[in-house]
Amino acid sequence: MELLMRYWSSERVELVHVRTTVRRSNAEKGRWDVHGIRRGIGVWWRYCVALWRWRPHVVFVLLSSSWVGFVRDVLMIVTARLFGARVIAQYRGGNFQGFYRSQPRWRQRWIVWGLRRVERVFVQSCGLRGQFTGIVAEQRLRVLPNGIALDEFPQRERSVAEAPPYRLLFVGHLAFAKGFRELARAYQRLRQEVPVELWVLGTRIADRRVARSFLPPVWRQYYDAHARAIEAEIDAFLGAAEQHNVRLLGFVSAAEVRHWMGQVDLFVLPSYSEGFSMAVLEAMAAGLPVVVTPVGALAELVTDGVRGRLVPVGDAEALAVVLRECLQQPAWMRRVGEENRRWVAREFPIERTVRCLEEEVCTLVRQ
């Protein structure tokens, strides 16, 4: 959203941003408590003041896939309608159908009721439209992909696969849902055969309630049965990071993410669930080959062997094999990285995303 606002240049549509985030981090989300309710009331009040001051024709809402978050979303949607605004919404994950099916029947009816007050629901790729089957009418679904500002990505400081030790980069929550346990296992096997380092950007999510919320239903039962062992394994790996040649870089700014991407050789994200991963798109824009799982929109972004490699979900052994094969082909890695940068610049410029959203807003207002 921040990138969209920075590059918004429409003369037909004025953009006003109101921050409605109640929780400061993912680890705090999805909870009912006094602090959250108090902050929520303050956020809603500022939102009402903005609606009264600006009298917008259209309000754009980002949808949540937690029950507490969705209750907040419906409140924002209904409030906008009371002020006479039409509402469009976007879901940026890959698990809305799973969220919906996990709810009791009365909550499902509430979700459908809330989304009927929305004129358009945007997803980030054609393959993600199926998340809303039976929930939102097909004619109200639209595709609004992520965009990239390539001018924000400087020329690489290091040529891909320049020299060993090779550098792998992971960007995301250090959590089971992001495949971090599988990456830890694969990396430890890989180190025995290839001179390699793992660089990690992101924060740890060990709260089991939060960690499981990112998983599709098919994997939640597995996680619930093994959560203690899974989290202990991840913690043990992180505790021995220095011993494993792992650099834990923590949470950094967007500019710092781009900086680190220019100094590594291969990007890896073996997630159990994704929408349209901005981190993967940024890695491609930074000239990196990527190794990902075919979840969410990633199977549409990456053709195995062309823009990177695809690995099965939850398969650490296959991940280790694929990473080794990539690192043993430095010429292929360089060629793929260069092509990825050109392809992202051609297919996903942020200006195209801005024009797409602008046109939808104008069309809606004219109706």
Protein backbone atom coordinates (compact mmCIF):
# COMPACT_ATOMS: atom_id res chain seq x y z
CA MET A 1 0.00 0.00 0.00
CA GLU A 2 2.85 2.37 0.81
CA LEU A 3 4.32 1.93 -2.68
CA LEU A 4 0.93 2.53 -4.30
CA MET A 5 0.54 5.79 -2.39
CA ARG A 6 4.02 6.99 -3.30
CA TYR A 7 3.41 6.47 -7.00
CA TRP A 8 -0.19 7.63 -7.12
CA SER A 9 -0.25 10.37 -9.75
CA SER A 10 -3.83 10.33 -11.00
CA GLU A 11 -5.39 13.65 -11.95
CA ARG A 12 -8.87 12.11 -11.88
CA VAL A 13 -8.76 10.46 -8.44
CA GLU A 14 -7.49 12.07 -5.24
CA LEU A 15 -6.08 9.56 -2.76
CA VAL A 16 -6.43 10.08 1.01
CA HIS A 17 -4.92 7.50 3.36
CA VAL A 18 -6.29 6.70 6.82
CA ARG A 19 -4.29 4.18 8.83
CA THR A 20 -6.70 1.66 10.38
CA THR A 21 -4.22 -0.87 11.78
CA VAL A 22 -5.03 -1.59 15.41
CA ARG A 23 -2.14 -3.95 16.21
CA ARG A 24 1.49 -3.04 15.61
CA SER A 25 2.68 -6.55 14.71
CA ASN A 26 1.33 -9.86 13.44
CA ALA A 27 2.09 -11.44 16.80
CA GLU A 28 -0.52 -9.14 18.41
CA LYS A 29 -3.27 -9.66 15.86
CA GLY A 30 -6.47 -11.59 16.34
CA ARG A 31 -6.88 -10.90 20.08
CA TRP A 32 -9.75 -9.37 22.03
CA ASP A 33 -8.38 -7.34 24.94
CA VAL A 34 -8.97 -3.97 26.57
CA HIS A 35 -5.93 -2.39 24.92
CA GLY A 36 -6.99 -3.57 21.47
CA ILE A 37 -10.60 -2.42 21.94
CA ARG A 38 -9.46 1.02 23.12
CA ARG A 39 -7.12 1.41 20.16
CA GLY A 40 -9.83 0.12 17.83
CA ILE A 41 -12.29 2.77 19.00
CA GLY A 42 -9.65 5.46 18.44
CA VAL A 43 -8.94 4.18 14.92
CA TRP A 44 -12.65 4.04 14.07
CA TRP A 45 -13.17 7.59 15.34
CA ARG A 46 -10.32 8.96 13.17
CA TYR A 47 -11.81 7.06 10.24
CA CYS A 48 -15.22 8.68 10.82
CA VAL A 49 -13.63 12.13 11.01
CA ALA A 50 -11.84 11.50 7.69
CA LEU A 51 -15.09 10.34 6.05
CA TRP A 52 -16.90 13.44 7.30
CA ARG A 53 -14.10 15.78 6.22
CA TRP A 54 -13.33 14.36 2.78
CA ARG A 55 -16.72 12.88 1.78
CA PRO A 56 -15.12 10.29 -0.53
CA HIS A 57 -17.01 8.70 -3.40
CA VAL A 58 -15.16 5.40 -2.91
CA VAL A 59 -13.42 3.79 0.08
CA PHE A 60 -10.73 1.14 -0.43
CA VAL A 61 -10.43 -1.46 2.38
CA LEU A 62 -7.82 -4.19 2.87
CA LEU A 63 -9.51 -7.40 4.05
CA SER A 64 -8.28 -9.57 6.92
CA SER A 65 -8.50 -13.33 7.30
CA SER A 66 -8.79 -13.44 11.08
CA TRP A 67 -12.15 -13.18 12.80
CA VAL A 68 -11.26 -10.13 14.90
CA GLY A 69 -9.75 -8.41 11.87
CA PHE A 70 -12.75 -9.15 9.69
CA VAL A 71 -15.16 -7.78 12.29
CA ARG A 72 -13.15 -4.54 12.13
CA ASP A 73 -13.29 -4.64 8.31
CA VAL A 74 -17.08 -4.97 8.28
CA LEU A 75 -17.35 -2.06 10.71
CA MET A 76 -15.28 0.07 8.32
CA ILE A 77 -17.36 -1.06 5.33
CA VAL A 78 -20.72 -0.33 6.99
CA THR A 79 -19.49 3.04 8.31
CA ALA A 80 -18.36 4.07 4.81
CA ARG A 81 -21.75 3.10 3.40
CA LEU A 82 -23.51 5.19 6.07
CA PHE A 83 -21.45 8.19 4.92
CA GLY A 84 -22.65 7.58 1.35
CA ALA A 85 -19.41 6.10 -0.01
CA ARG A 86 -19.17 3.02 -2.18
CA VAL A 87 -16.66 0.41 -1.04
CA ILE A 88 -14.05 -1.66 -2.85
CA ALA A 89 -11.82 -4.14 -1.05
CA GLN A 90 -8.66 -6.15 -1.65
CA TYR A 91 -7.48 -9.39 -0.08
CA ARG A 92 -3.72 -9.84 -0.24
CA GLY A 93 -3.39 -13.35 1.13
CA GLY A 94 -3.93 -16.82 -0.22
CA ASN A 95 -6.09 -18.38 2.49
CA PHE A 96 -9.49 -16.64 2.57
CA GLN A 97 -11.40 -19.79 1.63
CA GLY A 98 -9.67 -21.65 4.48
CA PHE A 99 -10.50 -18.85 6.91
CA TYR A 100 -14.14 -18.89 5.80
CA ARG A 101 -14.53 -22.66 6.05
CA SER A 102 -12.97 -22.76 9.53
CA GLN A 103 -15.69 -20.49 10.92
CA PRO A 104 -19.01 -21.67 12.40
CA ARG A 105 -22.09 -21.25 10.24
CA TRP A 106 -23.25 -18.03 11.87
CA ARG A 107 -19.87 -16.39 11.25
CA GLN A 108 -19.91 -17.55 7.63
CA ARG A 109 -23.25 -15.80 7.18
CA TRP A 110 -21.74 -12.65 8.74
CA ILE A 111 -18.77 -12.78 6.34
CA VAL A 112 -21.05 -13.12 3.30
CA TRP A 113 -23.30 -10.33 4.61
CA GLY A 114 -20.33 -8.01 5.05
CA LEU A 115 -18.87 -8.70 1.61
CA ARG A 116 -22.24 -8.07 -0.05
CA ARG A 117 -21.78 -4.43 1.01
CA VAL A 118 -18.64 -4.26 -1.12
CA GLU A 119 -18.89 -3.30 -4.81
CA ARG A 120 -15.64 -4.95 -5.93
CA VAL A 121 -13.28 -7.46 -4.33
CA PHE A 122 -9.73 -7.47 -5.71
CA VAL A 123 -7.37 -10.42 -5.57
CA GLN A 124 -3.74 -10.35 -6.70
CA SER A 125 -3.79 -12.94 -9.48
CA CYS A 126 -6.24 -14.91 -11.61
CA GLY A 127 -5.43 -18.09 -9.70
CA LEU A 128 -6.46 -16.47 -6.41
CA ARG A 129 -10.04 -15.76 -7.53
CA GLY A 130 -11.07 -19.24 -6.39
CA GLN A 131 -10.62 -18.20 -2.75
CA PHE A 132 -13.96 -16.41 -2.97
CA THR A 133 -15.97 -19.09 -4.75
CA GLY A 134 -19.36 -19.29 -3.07
CA ILE A 135 -18.61 -16.17 -1.02
CA VAL A 136 -18.46 -13.32 -3.57
CA ALA A 137 -20.22 -13.33 -6.94
CA GLU A 138 -17.79 -13.83 -9.83
CA GLN A 139 -18.84 -10.59 -11.55
CA ARG A 140 -17.69 -8.59 -8.51
CA LEU A 141 -14.18 -10.08 -8.47
CA ARG A 142 -11.26 -8.25 -10.06
CA VAL A 143 -7.50 -8.84 -10.33
CA LEU A 144 -5.11 -6.15 -9.04
CA PRO A 145 -1.54 -7.49 -8.99
CA ASN A 146 1.35 -6.06 -7.01
CA GLY A 147 3.57 -3.57 -8.77
CA ILE A 148 7.27 -2.78 -8.60
CA ALA A 149 9.16 0.51 -8.89
CA LEU A 150 12.30 -0.74 -10.58
CA ASP A 151 14.07 2.61 -10.17
CA GLU A 152 14.18 1.90 -6.42
CA PHE A 153 16.38 -1.14 -7.03
CA PRO A 154 20.00 -0.06 -7.52
CA GLN A 155 22.44 -1.97 -9.66
CA ARG A 156 23.71 -5.06 -7.90
CA GLU A 157 26.79 -4.70 -5.71
CA ARG A 158 27.62 -8.35 -6.23
CA SER A 159 27.24 -10.46 -9.35
CA VAL A 160 24.96 -13.46 -8.76
CA ALA A 161 27.01 -16.56 -7.88
CA GLU A 162 30.19 -14.46 -7.98
CA ALA A 163 32.20 -16.74 -5.72
CA PRO A 164 31.69 -19.11 -2.78
CA PRO A 165 30.58 -19.06 -0.11
CA TYR A 166 27.26 -18.58 -1.88
CA ARG A 167 24.57 -16.59 -0.12
CA LEU A 168 20.94 -17.64 0.29
CA LEU A 169 18.37 -15.04 1.35
CA PHE A 170 15.09 -15.64 3.19
CA VAL A 171 12.66 -12.74 3.75
CA GLY A 172 9.57 -13.26 5.91
CA HIS A 173 8.33 -14.34 9.30
CA LEU A 174 10.51 -16.96 10.92
CA ALA A 175 7.59 -19.32 11.24
CA PHE A 176 6.42 -22.76 10.16
CA ALA A 177 3.90 -21.29 7.69
CA LYS A 178 6.75 -19.67 5.76
CA GLY A 179 8.56 -23.02 5.52
CA PHE A 180 11.33 -21.91 7.85
CA ARG A 181 11.63 -25.35 9.48
CA GLU A 182 12.09 -26.95 6.04
CA LEU A 183 14.62 -24.29 5.09
CA ALA A 184 16.59 -24.92 8.30
CA ARG A 185 16.69 -28.66 7.58
CA ALA A 186 17.59 -28.22 3.91
CA TYR A 187 20.28 -25.65 4.68
CA GLN A 188 22.00 -27.89 7.22
CA ARG A 189 22.18 -30.68 4.62
CA LEU A 190 23.33 -28.27 1.93
CA ARG A 191 26.21 -26.94 4.07
CA GLN A 192 27.77 -30.38 4.11
CA GLU A 193 28.14 -30.30 0.31
CA VAL A 194 28.37 -26.65 -0.79
CA PRO A 195 30.10 -23.59 0.73
CA VAL A 196 27.04 -21.51 1.58
CA GLU A 197 25.61 -18.95 4.01
CA LEU A 198 22.00 -18.20 4.92
CA TRP A 199 20.94 -14.58 5.42
CA VAL A 200 17.59 -14.10 7.17
CA LEU A 201 15.43 -10.96 7.15
CA GLY A 202 12.37 -11.10 9.38
CA THR A 203 11.05 -11.57 12.88
CA ARG A 204 10.26 -14.72 14.81
CA ILE A 205 6.63 -15.78 15.33
CA ALA A 206 6.53 -18.55 17.92
CA ASP A 207 3.04 -17.91 19.34
CA ARG A 208 1.22 -21.05 18.22
CA ARG A 209 -2.15 -19.36 17.86
CA VAL A 210 -0.69 -16.75 15.53
CA ALA A 211 1.59 -19.22 13.73
CA ARG A 212 -1.28 -21.58 12.85
CA SER A 213 -3.48 -18.70 11.61
CA PHE A 214 -1.25 -18.33 8.53
CA LEU A 215 -1.71 -21.98 7.53
CA PRO A 216 -4.30 -23.43 5.16
CA PRO A 217 -6.69 -25.90 6.84
CA VAL A 218 -4.95 -28.93 5.31
CA TRP A 219 -1.79 -28.12 7.33
CA ARG A 220 -3.34 -26.82 10.56
CA GLN A 221 -4.08 -30.29 11.89
CA TYR A 222 -0.49 -31.34 11.26
CA TYR A 223 0.84 -28.23 12.97
CA ASP A 224 -1.46 -28.63 15.98
CA ALA A 225 -0.23 -32.20 16.47
CA HIS A 226 3.48 -31.26 16.22
CA ALA A 227 3.60 -27.59 17.25
CA ARG A 228 5.84 -28.02 20.29
CA ALA A 229 8.47 -30.02 18.39
CA ILE A 230 8.27 -27.70 15.35
CA GLU A 231 8.80 -24.51 17.36
CA ALA A 232 11.58 -26.12 19.44
CA GLU A 233 13.39 -27.17 16.26
CA ILE A 234 13.20 -23.67 14.79
CA ASP A 235 14.38 -22.11 18.06
CA ALA A 236 17.29 -24.54 18.32
CA PHE A 237 18.41 -23.68 14.79
CA LEU A 238 18.21 -19.94 15.46
CA GLY A 239 20.01 -20.37 18.76
CA ALA A 240 22.95 -21.91 16.91
CA ALA A 241 22.86 -19.40 14.05
CA GLU A 242 26.51 -18.39 14.28
CA GLN A 243 27.58 -22.01 14.32
CA HIS A 244 25.59 -22.62 11.12
CA ASN A 245 26.90 -19.51 9.29
CA VAL A 246 23.46 -17.90 9.49
CA ARG A 247 23.16 -14.11 9.56
CA LEU A 248 20.04 -12.98 11.43
CA LEU A 249 19.41 -9.47 10.12
CA GLY A 250 16.04 -8.97 11.83
CA PHE A 251 13.30 -6.61 10.73
CA VAL A 252 14.59 -3.89 8.40
CA SER A 253 13.16 -1.12 6.24
CA ALA A 254 12.12 -1.66 2.62
CA ALA A 255 15.26 0.17 1.44
CA GLU A 256 17.44 -2.13 3.53
CA VAL A 257 15.68 -5.20 2.08
CA ARG A 258 16.60 -4.01 -1.41
CA HIS A 259 20.17 -3.39 -0.23
CA TRP A 260 20.58 -6.93 1.12
CA MET A 261 19.01 -8.41 -1.99
CA GLY A 262 21.79 -6.83 -4.02
CA GLN A 263 24.42 -8.77 -2.05
CA VAL A 264 23.15 -12.36 -2.22
CA ASP A 265 22.95 -15.07 -4.87
CA LEU A 266 19.65 -16.89 -4.48
CA PHE A 267 16.28 -16.13 -2.87
CA VAL A 268 14.34 -18.90 -1.13
CA LEU A 269 10.80 -18.93 0.31
CA PRO A 270 9.37 -22.47 0.82
CA SER A 271 5.99 -21.30 2.18
CA TYR A 272 2.97 -23.40 3.06
CA SER A 273 0.69 -20.51 2.11
CA GLU A 274 1.13 -17.27 0.14
CA GLY A 275 -0.92 -14.76 -1.75
CA PHE A 276 1.17 -12.74 -4.20
CA SER A 277 4.44 -12.49 -2.30
CA MET A 278 5.92 -9.01 -2.56
CA ALA A 279 9.24 -10.39 -1.31
CA VAL A 280 9.45 -12.78 -4.28
CA LEU A 281 8.61 -10.00 -6.74
CA GLU A 282 11.24 -7.75 -5.14
CA ALA A 283 13.84 -10.52 -5.32
CA MET A 284 13.17 -10.88 -9.05
CA ALA A 285 13.41 -7.10 -9.49
CA ALA A 286 16.76 -7.26 -7.68
CA GLY A 287 18.03 -9.68 -10.33
CA LEU A 288 17.83 -12.88 -8.29
CA PRO A 289 16.69 -16.38 -9.23
CA VAL A 290 14.10 -17.66 -6.76
CA VAL A 291 13.27 -21.02 -5.18
CA VAL A 292 9.66 -21.17 -3.97
CA THR A 293 6.73 -23.50 -3.42
CA PRO A 294 3.81 -23.48 -5.92
CA VAL A 295 1.32 -21.85 -3.54
CA GLY A 296 -0.92 -18.83 -4.10
CA ALA A 297 0.24 -16.77 -7.07
CA LEU A 298 3.81 -18.14 -6.97
CA ALA A 299 3.02 -20.89 -9.47
CA GLU A 300 1.95 -18.13 -11.89
CA LEU A 301 5.09 -16.09 -11.24
CA VAL A 302 7.64 -18.89 -11.45
CA THR A 303 7.93 -21.54 -14.14
CA ASP A 304 10.20 -24.30 -12.91
CA GLY A 305 13.62 -23.91 -14.49
CA VAL A 306 12.79 -20.62 -16.19
CA ARG A 307 12.50 -17.85 -13.55
CA GLY A 308 13.68 -20.07 -10.73
CA ARG A 309 12.72 -23.42 -9.25
CA LEU A 310 9.58 -24.83 -7.68
CA VAL A 311 9.75 -27.30 -4.79
CA PRO A 312 6.95 -29.33 -3.14
CA VAL A 313 5.41 -27.90 0.01
CA GLY A 314 6.88 -29.33 3.21
CA ASP A 315 9.67 -31.32 1.52
CA ALA A 316 13.02 -30.38 3.07
CA GLU A 317 14.91 -33.08 1.18
CA ALA A 318 13.65 -31.86 -2.22
CA LEU A 319 14.45 -28.28 -1.18
CA ALA A 320 18.05 -29.24 -0.36
CA VAL A 321 18.44 -30.98 -3.73
CA VAL A 322 17.05 -28.02 -5.68
CA LEU A 323 19.19 -25.49 -3.82
CA ARG A 324 22.29 -27.56 -4.49
CA GLU A 325 21.43 -27.86 -8.19
CA CYS A 326 20.99 -24.09 -8.44
CA LEU A 327 24.27 -23.26 -6.71
CA GLN A 328 26.12 -25.71 -8.94
CA GLN A 329 24.95 -23.78 -12.02
CA PRO A 330 26.25 -20.21 -11.54
CA ALA A 331 25.86 -19.31 -15.23
CA TRP A 332 22.20 -20.37 -15.13
CA MET A 333 21.65 -18.36 -11.95
CA ARG A 334 23.09 -15.22 -13.49
CA ARG A 335 21.05 -15.62 -16.67
CA VAL A 336 17.81 -16.22 -14.77
CA GLY A 337 18.43 -13.30 -12.43
CA GLU A 338 19.01 -10.90 -15.33
CA GLU A 339 15.90 -12.12 -17.13
CA ASN A 340 13.83 -11.84 -13.94
CA ARG A 341 14.71 -8.16 -13.60
CA ARG A 342 13.69 -7.46 -17.20
CA TRP A 343 10.50 -9.52 -16.90
CA VAL A 344 9.31 -7.81 -13.70
CA ALA A 345 9.99 -4.37 -15.19
CA ARG A 346 7.88 -5.31 -18.21
CA GLU A 347 5.01 -7.14 -16.49
CA PHE A 348 4.61 -5.51 -13.07
CA PRO A 349 5.39 -1.77 -13.15
CA ILE A 350 3.71 0.06 -10.28
CA GLU A 351 2.33 2.58 -12.76
CA ARG A 352 0.18 -0.17 -14.31
CA THR A 353 -1.24 -1.09 -10.90
CA VAL A 354 -2.09 2.57 -10.27
CA ARG A 355 -3.86 2.87 -13.64
CA CYS A 356 -5.83 -0.32 -13.05
CA LEU A 357 -7.12 0.83 -9.66
CA GLU A 358 -7.82 4.34 -10.96
CA GLU A 359 -9.91 2.96 -13.84
CA GLU A 360 -11.94 0.73 -11.53
CA VAL A 361 -12.67 3.67 -9.22
CA CYS A 362 -13.72 5.94 -12.11
CA THR A 363 -15.91 3.23 -13.63
CA LEU A 364 -17.62 2.65 -10.31
CA VAL A 365 -18.29 6.36 -9.76
CA ARG A 366 -19.78 6.73 -13.26
CA GLN A 367 -22.24 3.86 -12.74
